[in-house]
């Protein structure tokens, strides 16, 4: 099994490069990307590597055979891909690899820092190697949302287990990276002294979402107009059902003519509940479920929207909120933390549990062009504070600094 390890290394170039820079040993960082199968996990690593400082350390990236293609473009003298057949197997095989084979690999490569951005630290790192873990998945600590899944469902079981695994990982790791102050406060309730070995580093914003009319010229006519937009996966904690309740009241009681566009994939039992509710209320012409839209086309949907909704009640770092804010549109945003931590005074808050509150807000604000423009300007200014270059540099600086002694 160890023999199946395939390393992409350029030994001569790496060592000659180090010699040219200085006599000081270049630190080696090993990053576990096995769990970066989709969505936020992949986006985080891609942005981290795209904006990393060059020539200051050596990266060994453990990839899965299904996500290797994403990271091929980063291969260089100081950036090597590591792939293993056992690690690319099922969850049991992956755990076996991490517990019994990975420690030896870290030692043979002379790794200085082991980073698990997926949140699970089950590797006994060699002496002298610093272990770092990130906390990016809030759902296991949100009992209200977990309770919305069926009692015997996989998602309820999975998140219950992950809660214990994450906490043990945070205790075992030398250092922990949080992506919001709210996230660190949540874990502080379980590990009171977590501040002593942790930091908060916000995610950045993909610049393609920053409003610019020149970037948004499309040769083909855009098919939707006069709509409010909500981009998010259809799931229990995203509150799409509550938004449909609001739109039913708006259209039936107040003759509100603007549509609600729901954009995002549906991967659980919740998706059919949303589409069934639209049909039950006869809102097919007022609430339109688009489904998943290619990431690079999302700025067009933001650009043509009258306003944007963000109704999630469970987030760690709300990336979609940041992207929405960058579009220079007025945003009606969930008042559940950590949304206020990121939106500050640049958005209008509502309680997703109260559909009538959103109705009142929309009726009082819709049509007020000056108000919409003012909030749009403030939202974009706030979004500009989140920068991937800053995120990447802060992350690698934290990874490579000396181990924190408790």
Foldseek 3Di string as FASTA:
>chain_A
DLVQKDKDADVVVLVVLVVVVDPDDAAEEEEELAVVQDDPSLVQVLLLLVQADPPRHAYEYEYAPNCVVVCPVSDDNRYMYMYGPQCNDDPVSVLCCQAPPVQVVCVVVVHAEYEYAVQADNHDHDPNHAYEYEDFFFVLLDVVQLVVDDPPDPSNVVSVVVVVRNLVRLVPGLAYEAQFPVVVVSSCVVVVVNVLRYDHFHAFADVLLAADVVSQDDPDDDDDAQAEEEEDEQGSQQLLVLLVVLQLCCCPPVVDDGAYEYEEAYDDPRVVVNVVSCVVSVPCVRYPYPYYDPPSCVSNVLQRHQAYEGAGQTGRHPRVLLSSLSSLWAYEYEPHPPVCVQQPPLHHYDHSVDSVVVNVVCVVCPPVVVVGNSSSVSSNVSSNVGHSSSSSHVVVVSRPDDRRDD
